[in-house]
Amino acid sequence: MTYGQIAELLGEGYTPRTVGFVMHASPDGTPWHRVLNAQGACSTGRVVLPQDKQQRLLEQEGVVFDKNARCDLQTFLFIPKAPSQKLKSASLYNRKSSTRGEKR
């Protein structure tokens, strides 16, 4: 999936950049390496060491990258079964019901 796809599924208020920030802070076990940018490339080079870790993990799963370090999204992009349906309780954060910061 791409950061943009996840942002679209989550709905209003989420952007690809927001998804990236949250993925960076995600707990161990989160498949962060399976999220690419809209060009089919890895965007973790300045964040993850070694810089090619994401690409190497994806290559181990069978994803093929070209000489420009991009994969063909037509071939490797995951599309949910019902892309037009918004996830009802989707959230990148584990929130407790709190009204802190909300305007009434």
Protein backbone atom coordinates (compact mmCIF):
# COMPACT_ATOMS: atom_id res chain seq x y z
CA MET A 1 0.00 0.00 0.00
CA THR A 2 1.01 3.61 -0.31
CA TYR A 3 0.93 6.27 2.38
CA GLY A 4 -1.78 8.00 0.34
CA GLN A 5 -3.97 4.89 0.19
CA ILE A 6 -3.86 4.53 3.95
CA ALA A 7 -4.64 8.23 4.44
CA GLU A 8 -7.61 7.92 2.09
CA LEU A 9 -8.94 4.87 3.93
CA LEU A 10 -8.64 6.68 7.27
CA GLY A 11 -10.55 9.67 5.97
CA GLU A 12 -10.62 13.38 6.55
CA GLY A 13 -7.75 14.80 8.56
CA TYR A 14 -5.20 12.22 7.48
CA THR A 15 -2.51 12.91 4.91
CA PRO A 16 0.22 10.68 3.49
CA ARG A 17 2.74 12.60 5.59
CA THR A 18 0.71 11.98 8.76
CA VAL A 19 0.66 8.26 7.97
CA GLY A 20 4.44 8.34 7.51
CA PHE A 21 5.00 10.01 10.88
CA VAL A 22 2.77 7.50 12.65
CA MET A 23 4.36 4.54 10.86
CA HIS A 24 7.76 5.79 11.99
CA ALA A 25 6.60 5.73 15.60
CA SER A 26 4.77 2.39 15.32
CA PRO A 27 5.56 -0.46 17.71
CA ASP A 28 7.71 -3.45 16.80
CA GLY A 29 5.83 -5.97 14.70
CA THR A 30 4.07 -3.35 12.56
CA PRO A 31 4.69 -4.14 8.87
CA TRP A 32 5.93 -0.58 8.18
CA HIS A 33 8.16 -1.82 5.37
CA ARG A 34 5.12 -2.68 3.23
CA VAL A 35 4.12 0.97 2.83
CA LEU A 36 5.63 2.81 -0.16
CA ASN A 37 5.36 6.30 -1.55
CA ALA A 38 3.19 7.14 -4.57
CA GLN A 39 6.11 6.56 -6.95
CA GLY A 40 6.59 2.97 -5.74
CA ALA A 41 9.77 3.84 -3.88
CA CYS A 42 10.88 3.58 -0.29
CA SER A 43 10.72 6.77 1.76
CA THR A 44 12.61 5.56 4.78
CA GLY A 45 16.19 6.27 3.67
CA ARG A 46 16.69 9.22 6.00
CA VAL A 47 14.90 7.54 8.90
CA VAL A 48 15.91 3.87 8.97
CA LEU A 49 19.40 2.43 9.18
CA PRO A 50 20.67 0.85 7.07
CA GLN A 51 19.15 3.08 4.41
CA ASP A 52 18.18 0.21 2.09
CA LYS A 53 16.54 -1.90 4.84
CA GLN A 54 12.97 -1.39 3.57
CA GLN A 55 13.86 -2.30 0.01
CA ARG A 56 15.78 -5.41 1.12
CA LEU A 57 12.83 -6.56 3.28
CA LEU A 58 10.44 -6.13 0.36
CA GLU A 59 12.78 -7.91 -2.04
CA GLN A 60 12.81 -10.87 0.38
CA GLU A 61 9.01 -10.92 -0.04
CA GLY A 62 9.31 -10.97 -3.84
CA VAL A 63 8.92 -7.27 -4.69
CA VAL A 64 11.13 -6.29 -7.63
CA PHE A 65 12.72 -2.83 -7.82
CA ASP A 66 14.15 -1.19 -10.94
CA LYS A 67 17.48 0.64 -11.28
CA ASN A 68 15.83 3.78 -9.84
CA ALA A 69 14.78 1.86 -6.71
CA ARG A 70 11.09 1.86 -7.64
CA CYS A 71 8.71 -1.04 -7.93
CA ASP A 72 5.90 -1.27 -10.46
CA LEU A 73 2.79 -0.32 -8.51
CA GLN A 74 0.61 -1.86 -11.24
CA THR A 75 2.14 -5.20 -10.25
CA PHE A 76 2.82 -4.91 -6.52
CA LEU A 77 0.22 -2.46 -5.16
CA PHE A 78 -2.19 -3.93 -2.62
CA ILE A 79 -5.77 -2.78 -3.13
CA PRO A 80 -8.31 -3.60 -0.39
CA LYS A 81 -11.35 -5.60 -1.48
CA ALA A 82 -13.73 -2.70 -0.84
CA PRO A 83 -11.66 0.45 -1.51
CA SER A 84 -14.68 2.75 -1.56
CA GLN A 85 -15.75 1.86 1.97
CA LYS A 86 -14.21 3.90 4.75
CA LEU A 87 -13.08 1.98 7.77
CA LYS A 88 -15.62 2.83 10.46
CA SER A 89 -13.30 2.74 13.44
CA ALA A 90 -10.04 3.38 11.60
CA SER A 91 -7.38 5.14 13.54
CA LEU A 92 -3.63 5.16 13.43
CA TYR A 93 -3.62 5.85 17.14
CA ASN A 94 -4.89 3.77 20.03
CA ARG A 95 -7.06 6.43 21.58
CA LYS A 96 -8.99 6.24 24.78
CA SER A 97 -12.26 8.10 24.81
CA SER A 98 -11.08 11.49 25.82
CA THR A 99 -12.32 14.96 25.11
CA ARG A 100 -8.96 16.56 25.73
CA GLY A 101 -8.19 19.06 23.02
CA GLU A 102 -11.66 18.92 21.49
CA LYS A 103 -13.76 22.06 21.16
CA ARG A 104 -17.34 21.91 22.27
